[in-house]
């Protein structure tokens, strides 16, 4: 699954560690999502969408 997480994070000048802390996950999880090695669970996808005030579809797209 493609995603815009890295771009959205960079627009806010957040490090992976800062985003991970806001979402209560590890920095490694953020890295894995950004690089497409891991697709977030539905609850985590909702948390991410809520944090960025966007819909899940605006952040995550099927390849």
C-alpha atoms as a PDB file:
ATOM      1  CA  UNK A   1       0.000   0.000   0.000  1.00  0.00           C
ATOM      2  CA  UNK A   2       1.292   3.468  -0.868  1.00  0.00           C
ATOM      3  CA  UNK A   3       1.043   6.264   1.660  1.00  0.00           C
ATOM      4  CA  UNK A   4       1.801   9.954   2.135  1.00  0.00           C
ATOM      5  CA  UNK A   5       2.996   9.628   5.727  1.00  0.00           C
ATOM      6  CA  UNK A   6       6.578  10.771   5.114  1.00  0.00           C
ATOM      7  CA  UNK A   7       5.416  13.883   3.220  1.00  0.00           C
ATOM      8  CA  UNK A   8       2.808  14.766   5.850  1.00  0.00           C
ATOM      9  CA  UNK A   9       5.347  14.301   8.638  1.00  0.00           C
ATOM     10  CA  UNK A  10       7.935  16.433   6.825  1.00  0.00           C
ATOM     11  CA  UNK A  11       5.398  19.226   6.255  1.00  0.00           C
ATOM     12  CA  UNK A  12       5.084  19.481  10.032  1.00  0.00           C
ATOM     13  CA  UNK A  13       8.837  19.179  10.652  1.00  0.00           C
ATOM     14  CA  UNK A  14       8.304  16.107  12.837  1.00  0.00           C
ATOM     15  CA  UNK A  15      10.944  13.424  13.145  1.00  0.00           C
ATOM     16  CA  UNK A  16       9.940   9.782  12.927  1.00  0.00           C
ATOM     17  CA  UNK A  17      10.451   9.605  16.689  1.00  0.00           C
ATOM     18  CA  UNK A  18       8.126  12.569  17.294  1.00  0.00           C
ATOM     19  CA  UNK A  19       5.397  11.058  15.127  1.00  0.00           C
ATOM     20  CA  UNK A  20       5.862   7.681  16.803  1.00  0.00           C
ATOM     21  CA  UNK A  21       5.436   9.292  20.222  1.00  0.00           C
ATOM     22  CA  UNK A  22       2.241  11.066  19.137  1.00  0.00           C
ATOM     23  CA  UNK A  23       0.831   7.754  17.875  1.00  0.00           C
ATOM     24  CA  UNK A  24       2.173   5.636  20.759  1.00  0.00           C
ATOM     25  CA  UNK A  25       4.149   3.323  18.462  1.00  0.00           C
ATOM     26  CA  UNK A  26       7.869   2.753  17.898  1.00  0.00           C
ATOM     27  CA  UNK A  27      10.004   4.797  15.515  1.00  0.00           C
ATOM     28  CA  UNK A  28      10.697   1.540  13.684  1.00  0.00           C
ATOM     29  CA  UNK A  29       6.956   1.162  13.035  1.00  0.00           C
ATOM     30  CA  UNK A  30       6.820   4.632  11.481  1.00  0.00           C
ATOM     31  CA  UNK A  31       9.853   3.828   9.323  1.00  0.00           C
ATOM     32  CA  UNK A  32       8.313   0.535   8.184  1.00  0.00           C
ATOM     33  CA  UNK A  33       5.018   2.232   7.251  1.00  0.00           C
ATOM     34  CA  UNK A  34       6.789   5.052   5.392  1.00  0.00           C
ATOM     35  CA  UNK A  35       8.919   2.621   3.376  1.00  0.00           C
ATOM     36  CA  UNK A  36       5.957   0.376   2.558  1.00  0.00           C
ATOM     37  CA  UNK A  37       7.307  -2.607   4.493  1.00  0.00           C
ATOM     38  CA  UNK A  38       4.358  -2.613   6.892  1.00  0.00           C
ATOM     39  CA  UNK A  39       0.688  -1.711   6.496  1.00  0.00           C
ATOM     40  CA  UNK A  40      -0.797  -0.263   9.686  1.00  0.00           C
ATOM     41  CA  UNK A  41      -3.672  -1.926  11.475  1.00  0.00           C
ATOM     42  CA  UNK A  42      -7.048  -0.307  10.957  1.00  0.00           C
ATOM     43  CA  UNK A  43      -7.036   1.262  14.458  1.00  0.00           C
ATOM     44  CA  UNK A  44      -3.572   2.725  13.804  1.00  0.00           C
ATOM     45  CA  UNK A  45      -4.650   3.999  10.374  1.00  0.00           C
ATOM     46  CA  UNK A  46      -7.574   5.780  12.054  1.00  0.00           C
ATOM     47  CA  UNK A  47      -5.195   7.299  14.654  1.00  0.00           C
ATOM     48  CA  UNK A  48      -2.911   8.544  11.889  1.00  0.00           C
ATOM     49  CA  UNK A  49      -5.823  10.014   9.929  1.00  0.00           C
ATOM     50  CA  UNK A  50      -7.171  11.720  13.060  1.00  0.00           C
ATOM     51  CA  UNK A  51      -3.760  13.171  13.934  1.00  0.00           C
ATOM     52  CA  UNK A  52      -3.372  14.692  10.456  1.00  0.00           C
ATOM     53  CA  UNK A  53      -7.066  15.677  10.283  1.00  0.00           C
ATOM     54  CA  UNK A  54      -7.531  13.742   7.047  1.00  0.00           C
ATOM     55  CA  UNK A  55      -9.437  10.689   5.920  1.00  0.00           C
ATOM     56  CA  UNK A  56      -7.645   7.357   5.738  1.00  0.00           C
ATOM     57  CA  UNK A  57      -8.098   7.444   1.943  1.00  0.00           C
ATOM     58  CA  UNK A  58      -6.223  10.754   1.726  1.00  0.00           C
ATOM     59  CA  UNK A  59      -3.169   9.159   3.385  1.00  0.00           C
ATOM     60  CA  UNK A  60      -3.204   5.523   2.235  1.00  0.00           C
ATOM     61  CA  UNK A  61      -3.779   4.353  -1.345  1.00  0.00           C
ATOM     62  CA  UNK A  62      -3.814   0.850  -2.821  1.00  0.00           C
ATOM     63  CA  UNK A  63      -0.956   0.251  -5.258  1.00  0.00           C
END
